[in-house]
N, C-alpha and C. Protein backbone atom coordinates (compact mmCIF):
# COMPACT_ATOMS: atom_id res chain seq x y z
N MET A 1 15.53 -4.62 -10.34
CA MET A 1 14.17 -5.30 -11.13
C MET A 1 13.64 -4.65 -11.52
N ILE A 2 13.07 -3.23 -10.73
CA ILE A 2 11.91 -2.41 -11.31
C ILE A 2 12.11 -1.87 -12.60
N GLY A 3 13.30 -1.83 -13.05
CA GLY A 3 14.08 -0.92 -14.25
C GLY A 3 13.24 -2.08 -15.11
N ASN A 4 14.10 -3.34 -14.76
CA ASN A 4 14.45 -4.11 -16.07
C ASN A 4 12.68 -4.70 -16.61
N GLU A 5 11.75 -5.00 -15.58
CA GLU A 5 10.46 -5.77 -15.62
C GLU A 5 9.36 -4.71 -15.43
N PHE A 6 9.29 -3.95 -15.08
CA PHE A 6 8.36 -2.68 -14.92
C PHE A 6 8.65 -1.62 -16.00
N GLY A 7 9.53 -1.32 -16.72
CA GLY A 7 9.93 0.17 -17.65
C GLY A 7 9.63 1.05 -16.58
N MET A 8 10.39 1.70 -15.41
CA MET A 8 10.02 2.15 -14.39
C MET A 8 11.54 2.46 -13.64
N VAL A 9 12.13 3.22 -13.77
CA VAL A 9 13.29 3.75 -12.45
C VAL A 9 12.73 4.37 -10.93
N GLY A 10 13.70 3.52 -10.00
CA GLY A 10 13.21 3.58 -8.83
C GLY A 10 14.24 4.79 -8.25
N ARG A 11 14.14 5.55 -7.52
CA ARG A 11 14.88 6.16 -6.64
C ARG A 11 14.69 7.00 -5.22
N THR A 12 15.47 7.36 -4.57
CA THR A 12 15.62 7.69 -3.20
C THR A 12 15.45 9.19 -3.03
N ALA A 13 14.43 9.39 -2.12
CA ALA A 13 14.39 10.73 -2.10
C ALA A 13 13.76 11.54 -1.07
N ARG A 14 13.83 12.70 -0.26
CA ARG A 14 12.70 12.60 0.82
C ARG A 14 11.81 12.94 0.12
N ILE A 15 10.65 12.97 0.88
CA ILE A 15 9.56 13.59 0.33
C ILE A 15 8.55 13.92 1.90
N ASP A 16 7.72 15.13 1.63
CA ASP A 16 6.96 15.50 2.45
C ASP A 16 5.63 14.26 3.06
N ARG A 17 5.15 14.75 4.29
CA ARG A 17 4.76 13.44 4.64
C ARG A 17 3.20 13.64 3.77
N THR A 18 2.84 15.17 3.39
CA THR A 18 1.45 15.48 2.62
C THR A 18 1.59 14.39 1.23
N GLU A 19 2.31 14.26 0.74
CA GLU A 19 3.15 13.43 -0.65
C GLU A 19 1.75 12.03 -0.25
N LEU A 20 2.52 11.57 0.85
CA LEU A 20 2.02 10.07 0.89
C LEU A 20 0.32 10.26 0.84
N TYR A 21 0.00 11.12 1.58
CA TYR A 21 -1.76 11.20 1.71
C TYR A 21 -2.17 11.36 0.32
N ALA A 22 -1.61 11.81 -0.68
CA ALA A 22 -1.96 11.98 -2.15
C ALA A 22 -2.00 10.58 -2.87
N ALA A 23 -0.74 9.46 -2.41
CA ALA A 23 0.12 9.23 -3.31
C ALA A 23 -1.80 7.71 -3.87
N ASP A 24 -1.78 7.18 -4.91
CA ASP A 24 -2.60 6.06 -5.40
C ASP A 24 -1.90 4.43 -5.03
N GLU A 25 -0.63 4.29 -4.55
CA GLU A 25 -0.19 2.99 -4.08
C GLU A 25 1.21 3.52 -3.00
N ILE A 26 1.19 3.37 -2.08
CA ILE A 26 2.81 3.28 -1.44
C ILE A 26 3.03 2.02 -1.32
N PHE A 27 4.15 0.99 -1.17
CA PHE A 27 5.07 0.16 -0.64
C PHE A 27 6.38 0.05 -0.04
N LEU A 28 6.18 -0.65 0.66
CA LEU A 28 7.96 -0.30 1.39
C LEU A 28 8.84 -1.52 0.50
N HIS A 29 9.97 -1.59 0.12
CA HIS A 29 10.78 -2.75 -0.45
C HIS A 29 12.13 -2.35 0.08
N ARG A 30 12.55 -3.64 0.48
CA ARG A 30 13.85 -4.14 1.20
C ARG A 30 14.81 -5.36 0.36
N HIS A 31 15.73 -5.17 0.36
CA HIS A 31 16.70 -5.95 -0.40
C HIS A 31 16.65 -7.25 0.55
N ARG A 32 16.15 -8.17 -0.33
CA ARG A 32 15.58 -9.46 0.44
C ARG A 32 14.52 -10.05 0.57
N SER A 33 13.31 -8.96 0.13
CA SER A 33 12.14 -8.62 0.73
C SER A 33 11.20 -8.63 -0.32
N SER A 34 10.15 -8.98 -0.31
CA SER A 34 8.76 -8.79 -1.19
C SER A 34 8.57 -7.01 -0.92
N GLY A 35 7.82 -6.62 -1.48
CA GLY A 35 7.12 -5.80 -1.54
C GLY A 35 6.27 -5.80 -0.27
N VAL A 36 5.88 -4.86 0.72
CA VAL A 36 4.77 -4.65 1.56
C VAL A 36 4.10 -3.69 1.36
N ALA A 37 2.69 -3.41 1.06
CA ALA A 37 1.90 -2.56 1.09
C ALA A 37 1.53 -1.52 2.07
N VAL A 38 1.40 -0.50 1.84
CA VAL A 38 0.91 0.72 2.97
C VAL A 38 -0.41 0.99 2.19
N THR A 39 -1.27 0.56 3.10
CA THR A 39 -2.47 0.99 3.00
C THR A 39 -2.92 2.09 3.27
N SER A 40 -2.65 2.91 4.89
CA SER A 40 -2.72 3.72 5.33
C SER A 40 -1.65 4.48 5.97
N VAL A 41 -1.89 5.66 6.05
CA VAL A 41 -0.87 6.47 6.65
C VAL A 41 -1.57 7.68 7.74
N ASP A 42 -0.96 7.17 9.12
CA ASP A 42 -1.78 8.52 10.07
C ASP A 42 -3.45 8.14 9.75
N HIS A 43 -3.70 7.09 10.04
CA HIS A 43 -5.17 6.84 9.78
C HIS A 43 -5.71 6.84 8.35
N ARG A 44 -4.92 7.51 7.30
CA ARG A 44 -5.94 7.92 5.97
C ARG A 44 -5.90 6.64 5.07
N SER A 45 -6.59 6.34 4.56
CA SER A 45 -6.51 5.40 3.67
C SER A 45 -5.16 6.00 2.24
N VAL A 46 -4.90 4.29 1.66
CA VAL A 46 -4.21 5.13 0.41
C VAL A 46 -4.51 4.48 -0.79
N GLY A 47 -4.91 5.59 -1.53
CA GLY A 47 -5.61 4.93 -2.29
C GLY A 47 -7.33 4.58 -2.31
N THR A 48 -7.21 2.94 -2.01
CA THR A 48 -8.75 2.15 -1.96
C THR A 48 -8.52 1.83 -1.12
N GLY A 49 -7.36 1.68 0.07
CA GLY A 49 -6.88 1.45 1.38
C GLY A 49 -6.91 0.16 1.31
N ASN A 50 -6.41 -0.47 0.14
CA ASN A 50 -6.13 -2.21 -0.22
C ASN A 50 -5.07 -2.21 -1.27
N PRO A 51 -4.13 -2.90 -1.36
CA PRO A 51 -2.82 -3.07 -1.65
C PRO A 51 -3.21 -2.67 -3.12
N GLY A 52 -2.07 -1.71 -3.95
CA GLY A 52 -2.47 -1.46 -5.63
C GLY A 52 -2.15 -2.76 -6.47
N PRO A 53 -2.55 -2.86 -7.92
CA PRO A 53 -2.18 -3.51 -8.75
C PRO A 53 -0.64 -3.15 -9.01
N PHE A 54 0.17 -2.68 -8.83
CA PHE A 54 1.35 -2.27 -9.34
C PHE A 54 2.20 -2.96 -7.95
N CYS A 55 1.69 -2.53 -6.42
CA CYS A 55 2.65 -3.38 -5.62
C CYS A 55 2.11 -5.08 -5.47
N MET A 56 1.08 -5.19 -6.13
CA MET A 56 0.86 -6.89 -6.16
C MET A 56 1.34 -7.08 -7.39
N LYS A 57 1.25 -6.65 -8.36
CA LYS A 57 2.50 -7.27 -9.34
C LYS A 57 3.93 -7.29 -9.30
N LEU A 58 4.92 -5.97 -8.54
CA LEU A 58 5.91 -6.61 -8.20
C LEU A 58 5.88 -7.60 -7.06
N GLN A 59 5.25 -7.46 -6.26
CA GLN A 59 5.35 -8.72 -4.98
C GLN A 59 5.20 -10.50 -5.84
N SER A 60 4.11 -10.49 -6.66
CA SER A 60 4.21 -11.74 -7.37
C SER A 60 5.54 -12.35 -8.23
N THR A 61 5.75 -10.79 -9.16
CA THR A 61 6.99 -11.26 -10.25
C THR A 61 8.45 -11.55 -9.39
N TYR A 62 8.47 -10.97 -7.83
CA TYR A 62 10.04 -10.82 -7.09
C TYR A 62 9.78 -12.26 -6.23
N LEU A 63 8.63 -12.71 -5.74
CA LEU A 63 8.55 -14.26 -4.91
C LEU A 63 8.28 -15.01 -6.12
N ALA A 64 8.12 -15.07 -6.90
CA ALA A 64 8.27 -15.77 -8.85
C ALA A 64 9.60 -16.10 -8.94
N ALA A 65 10.34 -15.09 -9.03
CA ALA A 65 11.51 -15.28 -9.26
C ALA A 65 12.47 -15.63 -7.96
N CYS A 66 12.29 -15.46 -6.78
CA CYS A 66 13.09 -16.13 -5.68
C CYS A 66 12.70 -17.63 -5.69
N ARG A 67 11.70 -17.92 -6.21
CA ARG A 67 10.77 -19.40 -5.78
C ARG A 67 11.62 -20.46 -7.49
N GLY A 68 12.24 -19.69 -8.48
CA GLY A 68 13.09 -19.96 -9.34
C GLY A 68 12.19 -20.44 -10.72
N GLU A 69 10.68 -19.66 -10.56
CA GLU A 69 9.93 -19.56 -11.85
C GLU A 69 9.91 -18.98 -12.70
N ASN A 70 10.90 -17.71 -12.39
CA ASN A 70 11.34 -16.81 -13.65
C ASN A 70 12.79 -16.69 -14.73
N GLU A 71 12.71 -17.54 -15.24
CA GLU A 71 13.89 -18.07 -16.15
C GLU A 71 15.25 -16.58 -15.96
N LYS A 72 14.50 -15.61 -16.33
CA LYS A 72 15.45 -14.15 -16.48
C LYS A 72 15.86 -14.27 -15.44
N TYR A 73 15.64 -14.37 -13.64
CA TYR A 73 16.33 -14.36 -12.56
C TYR A 73 16.79 -15.38 -11.78
N GLN A 74 17.30 -16.74 -12.66
CA GLN A 74 17.96 -17.85 -12.32
C GLN A 74 19.09 -17.44 -11.62
N ASP A 75 19.70 -16.67 -11.85
CA ASP A 75 21.31 -16.04 -10.79
C ASP A 75 21.25 -15.76 -9.51
N TRP A 76 19.43 -15.64 -9.18
CA TRP A 76 19.41 -15.23 -7.91
C TRP A 76 19.38 -16.41 -7.38
N ILE A 77 19.60 -17.46 -7.69
CA ILE A 77 18.60 -18.68 -7.19
C ILE A 77 20.09 -19.48 -6.69
N THR A 78 19.93 -20.05 -5.38
CA THR A 78 21.07 -21.37 -5.24
C THR A 78 20.35 -22.34 -4.53
N PRO A 79 20.46 -23.47 -5.19
CA PRO A 79 19.71 -24.80 -5.18
C PRO A 79 20.44 -25.20 -3.94
N VAL A 80 19.50 -25.71 -2.78
CA VAL A 80 19.44 -26.47 -1.73
C VAL A 80 19.06 -28.31 -1.79
N TYR A 81 20.10 -29.07 -1.79
CA TYR A 81 20.09 -30.00 -2.21
C TYR A 81 19.48 -30.65 -0.84
N LYS A 82 18.50 -31.78 0.00
CA LYS A 82 18.40 -32.74 0.61
C LYS A 82 19.47 -33.68 1.29
């Protein structure tokens, strides 16, 4: 989703803990869950200490897709009828 929606490419890599201290934003994202902002690492604020704009946009886009509000991701949805 990130590559298609935001023009970014995600990758997995080992990083040094000190790289986290200098980050503008950090979020955790797993399959089938929305992004979760990380606002501090080792009691040090990440960026402003609040969820950043990219994380918030990623989370809202993902949740909209899961609720069927984004036609681009309709194939993610399985209707459930009462």
